Amino acid sequence: MRIKILEQWKFLKVPIILEDLNTNIKKIKFEQSQLILNFAGAFRSKEEERQFSKDIQGYENITYHGIVKSDAKRKLFHKSHIFVLPTQLLEGQPLSILEAYASGCCVLTTKKPGITDIFKDPINGFFIEENYSLSLRYLLKMILKSKQLINNISRNNLNISKNKYSENSFIKNFSKVLNR
């Protein structure tokens, strides 16, 4: 069980998926021995992608995976403890947040319409401010100090995923609507 692994590590390793790759990585590189950063997603341009790849060269704890789908995405979620979605878009309810719940990830995201329908701070994780690098840094430091906090959120998100967003839950709720 992942929670047990957390308790056995000498340093708490926190793999993170950051979907918005327009982050200035230098602003959040702190306590590096405690963080493993996994970036996934697309850039707005090839030049931004090249610059990002250049910026992370030499950091063994930072990996850019590109766009991940299917099994690769599932594996990345399952080895992660924190999912970060610092979106500036109005995109409805991001499926990636529900995928993070199903993997037991603590979620850090911006407060946008649609997201607030499926995400409650501090139940599922924490809201980060839109100009988020300092907010993200603060929250990561807070989480790193409390294994119990991340364990509680992880268990809660797994339960919410199973009870509210699973296929069985959908079928049960849909049947209730049909039987009215």
Protein backbone atom coordinates (compact mmCIF):
# COMPACT_ATOMS: atom_id res chain seq x y z
CA MET A 1 0.00 0.00 0.00
CA ARG A 2 1.32 3.40 -0.95
CA ILE A 3 0.76 4.94 2.47
CA LYS A 4 3.01 2.33 4.01
CA ILE A 5 5.71 3.13 1.48
CA LEU A 6 5.50 6.79 2.44
CA GLU A 7 6.18 5.92 6.04
CA GLN A 8 9.19 3.77 5.16
CA TRP A 9 11.06 6.39 3.11
CA LYS A 10 13.98 8.15 4.74
CA PHE A 11 12.98 11.35 2.92
CA LEU A 12 9.40 11.81 1.82
CA LYS A 13 9.52 11.58 -1.97
CA VAL A 14 6.65 13.36 -3.59
CA PRO A 15 6.24 12.61 -7.31
CA ILE A 16 4.22 15.36 -8.87
CA ILE A 17 2.49 15.67 -12.20
CA LEU A 18 2.30 19.26 -13.36
CA GLU A 19 0.04 19.56 -16.38
CA ASP A 20 0.61 23.24 -17.03
CA LEU A 21 4.14 23.26 -18.39
CA ASN A 22 4.38 27.02 -18.59
CA THR A 23 5.63 27.01 -15.00
CA ASN A 24 8.93 28.66 -14.24
CA ILE A 25 10.58 25.56 -12.77
CA LYS A 26 13.26 27.59 -11.02
CA LYS A 27 10.63 29.11 -8.70
CA ILE A 28 9.62 25.78 -7.20
CA LYS A 29 12.99 23.98 -6.99
CA PHE A 30 13.35 23.80 -3.24
CA GLU A 31 14.20 20.99 -0.87
CA GLN A 32 15.12 19.05 -4.00
CA SER A 33 16.12 15.88 -2.21
CA GLN A 34 12.48 15.55 -1.13
CA LEU A 35 10.80 16.10 -4.51
CA ILE A 36 10.48 14.05 -7.65
CA LEU A 37 8.81 16.17 -10.32
CA ASN A 38 7.05 14.47 -13.24
CA PHE A 39 5.80 16.91 -15.84
CA ALA A 40 3.19 15.76 -18.36
CA GLY A 41 1.35 17.67 -21.03
CA ALA A 42 1.94 19.84 -24.07
CA PHE A 43 3.58 23.20 -24.62
CA ARG A 44 2.15 26.05 -26.65
CA SER A 45 5.18 25.95 -28.93
CA LYS A 46 8.24 23.83 -29.76
CA GLU A 47 10.43 26.70 -28.53
CA GLU A 48 8.81 26.61 -25.07
CA GLU A 49 9.32 22.83 -24.97
CA ARG A 50 13.01 23.17 -25.96
CA GLN A 51 13.55 25.87 -23.33
CA PHE A 52 11.87 23.77 -20.64
CA SER A 53 13.96 20.71 -21.56
CA LYS A 54 17.08 22.88 -21.35
CA ASP A 55 16.03 24.29 -17.95
CA ILE A 56 15.60 20.83 -16.39
CA GLN A 57 18.82 19.31 -17.75
CA GLY A 58 21.03 18.02 -14.97
CA TYR A 59 18.21 17.51 -12.48
CA GLU A 60 17.83 13.79 -11.82
CA ASN A 61 14.58 14.34 -9.93
CA ILE A 62 12.80 16.17 -12.77
CA THR A 63 11.36 14.35 -15.79
CA TYR A 64 9.32 15.64 -18.70
CA HIS A 65 7.12 12.86 -20.11
CA GLY A 66 5.39 14.77 -22.90
CA ILE A 67 1.75 13.99 -23.55
CA VAL A 68 0.85 10.79 -21.71
CA LYS A 69 -2.14 8.58 -22.46
CA SER A 70 -3.68 5.27 -21.41
CA ASP A 71 -1.35 2.95 -19.50
CA ALA A 72 1.52 5.45 -19.30
CA LYS A 73 -0.82 8.02 -17.78
CA ARG A 74 -2.27 5.50 -15.33
CA LYS A 75 1.22 4.39 -14.24
CA LEU A 76 2.33 7.98 -13.74
CA PHE A 77 -0.73 8.70 -11.59
CA HIS A 78 -0.27 5.54 -9.53
CA LYS A 79 3.34 6.35 -8.63
CA SER A 80 2.39 9.91 -7.68
CA HIS A 81 1.25 11.30 -4.35
CA ILE A 82 0.39 14.81 -5.47
CA PHE A 83 -1.29 15.98 -8.66
CA VAL A 84 -0.94 19.64 -9.61
CA LEU A 85 -3.26 21.25 -12.16
CA PRO A 86 -2.52 24.98 -12.23
CA THR A 87 -4.86 25.76 -15.09
CA GLN A 88 -5.80 29.21 -16.29
CA LEU A 89 -8.40 27.80 -18.68
CA LEU A 90 -12.13 27.55 -18.20
CA GLU A 91 -12.31 23.86 -19.07
CA GLY A 92 -15.31 22.54 -17.16
CA GLN A 93 -14.57 19.58 -14.93
CA PRO A 94 -11.11 18.25 -15.78
CA LEU A 95 -11.13 14.47 -16.02
CA SER A 96 -7.52 14.50 -14.81
CA ILE A 97 -8.68 15.55 -11.33
CA LEU A 98 -11.01 12.54 -11.14
CA GLU A 99 -8.14 10.32 -12.36
CA ALA A 100 -5.98 11.78 -9.58
CA TYR A 101 -8.69 10.93 -7.01
CA ALA A 102 -8.85 7.33 -8.31
CA SER A 103 -5.08 7.08 -7.83
CA GLY A 104 -5.21 8.47 -4.31
CA CYS A 105 -3.42 11.70 -5.13
CA CYS A 106 -3.69 14.89 -3.14
CA VAL A 107 -4.74 17.56 -5.67
CA LEU A 108 -3.41 21.10 -5.91
CA THR A 109 -5.36 23.18 -8.44
CA THR A 110 -6.56 26.65 -9.27
CA LYS A 111 -10.06 27.79 -8.30
CA LYS A 112 -11.96 27.77 -11.58
CA PRO A 113 -15.63 27.19 -12.43
CA GLY A 114 -16.19 23.49 -13.02
CA ILE A 115 -13.30 22.53 -10.78
CA THR A 116 -15.15 23.89 -7.75
CA ASP A 117 -18.01 21.46 -8.54
CA ILE A 118 -15.79 18.42 -7.94
CA PHE A 119 -13.06 19.79 -5.65
CA LYS A 120 -13.28 20.95 -2.05
CA ASP A 121 -10.38 22.61 -0.24
CA PRO A 122 -9.01 21.04 2.07
CA ILE A 123 -10.96 17.77 1.58
CA ASN A 124 -9.45 16.80 -1.79
CA GLY A 125 -6.30 18.89 -1.57
CA PHE A 126 -5.72 22.62 -1.77
CA PHE A 127 -6.41 25.53 -4.08
CA ILE A 128 -3.36 27.32 -5.41
CA GLU A 129 -3.47 30.92 -6.52
CA GLU A 130 -3.54 31.59 -10.25
CA ASN A 131 -0.16 33.32 -10.13
CA TYR A 132 0.78 30.21 -8.29
CA SER A 133 4.52 29.66 -7.89
CA LEU A 134 4.71 31.05 -4.33
CA SER A 135 1.37 29.48 -3.39
CA LEU A 136 2.53 26.14 -4.79
CA ARG A 137 5.82 26.36 -2.93
CA TYR A 138 4.05 27.11 0.36
CA LEU A 139 1.60 24.21 -0.05
CA LEU A 140 4.32 21.73 -1.03
CA LYS A 141 6.36 22.67 2.03
CA MET A 142 3.28 22.28 4.25
CA ILE A 143 2.46 18.86 2.77
CA LEU A 144 6.07 17.66 3.06
CA LYS A 145 5.93 18.38 6.78
CA SER A 146 2.80 16.28 7.35
CA LYS A 147 2.65 12.68 6.13
CA GLN A 148 -0.64 12.32 8.00
CA LEU A 149 -2.21 15.18 6.03
CA ILE A 150 -1.37 13.66 2.64
CA ASN A 151 -2.41 10.19 3.85
CA ASN A 152 -5.82 11.51 4.98
CA ILE A 153 -6.44 13.34 1.71
CA SER A 154 -5.28 10.30 -0.27
CA ARG A 155 -7.70 7.96 1.52
CA ASN A 156 -10.51 10.50 1.18
CA ASN A 157 -9.95 10.89 -2.57
CA LEU A 158 -9.87 7.13 -3.09
CA ASN A 159 -13.20 6.82 -1.24
CA ILE A 160 -14.77 9.71 -3.15
CA SER A 161 -13.62 8.21 -6.43
CA LYS A 162 -15.14 4.85 -5.58
CA ASN A 163 -18.39 6.15 -4.07
CA LYS A 164 -19.11 9.13 -6.32
CA TYR A 165 -17.25 8.87 -9.63
CA SER A 166 -16.93 5.14 -10.37
CA GLU A 167 -18.81 3.31 -13.10
CA ASN A 168 -20.91 1.50 -10.49
CA SER A 169 -21.81 4.77 -8.80
CA PHE A 170 -22.81 6.28 -12.14
CA ILE A 171 -25.03 3.30 -13.00
CA LYS A 172 -26.66 3.38 -9.55
CA ASN A 173 -27.39 7.12 -9.77
CA PHE A 174 -28.59 6.87 -13.37
CA SER A 175 -30.96 4.04 -12.38
CA LYS A 176 -32.42 6.24 -9.63
CA VAL A 177 -33.14 8.95 -12.20
CA LEU A 178 -34.81 6.47 -14.57
CA ASN A 179 -36.97 5.01 -11.80
CA ARG A 180 -38.44 8.33 -10.70
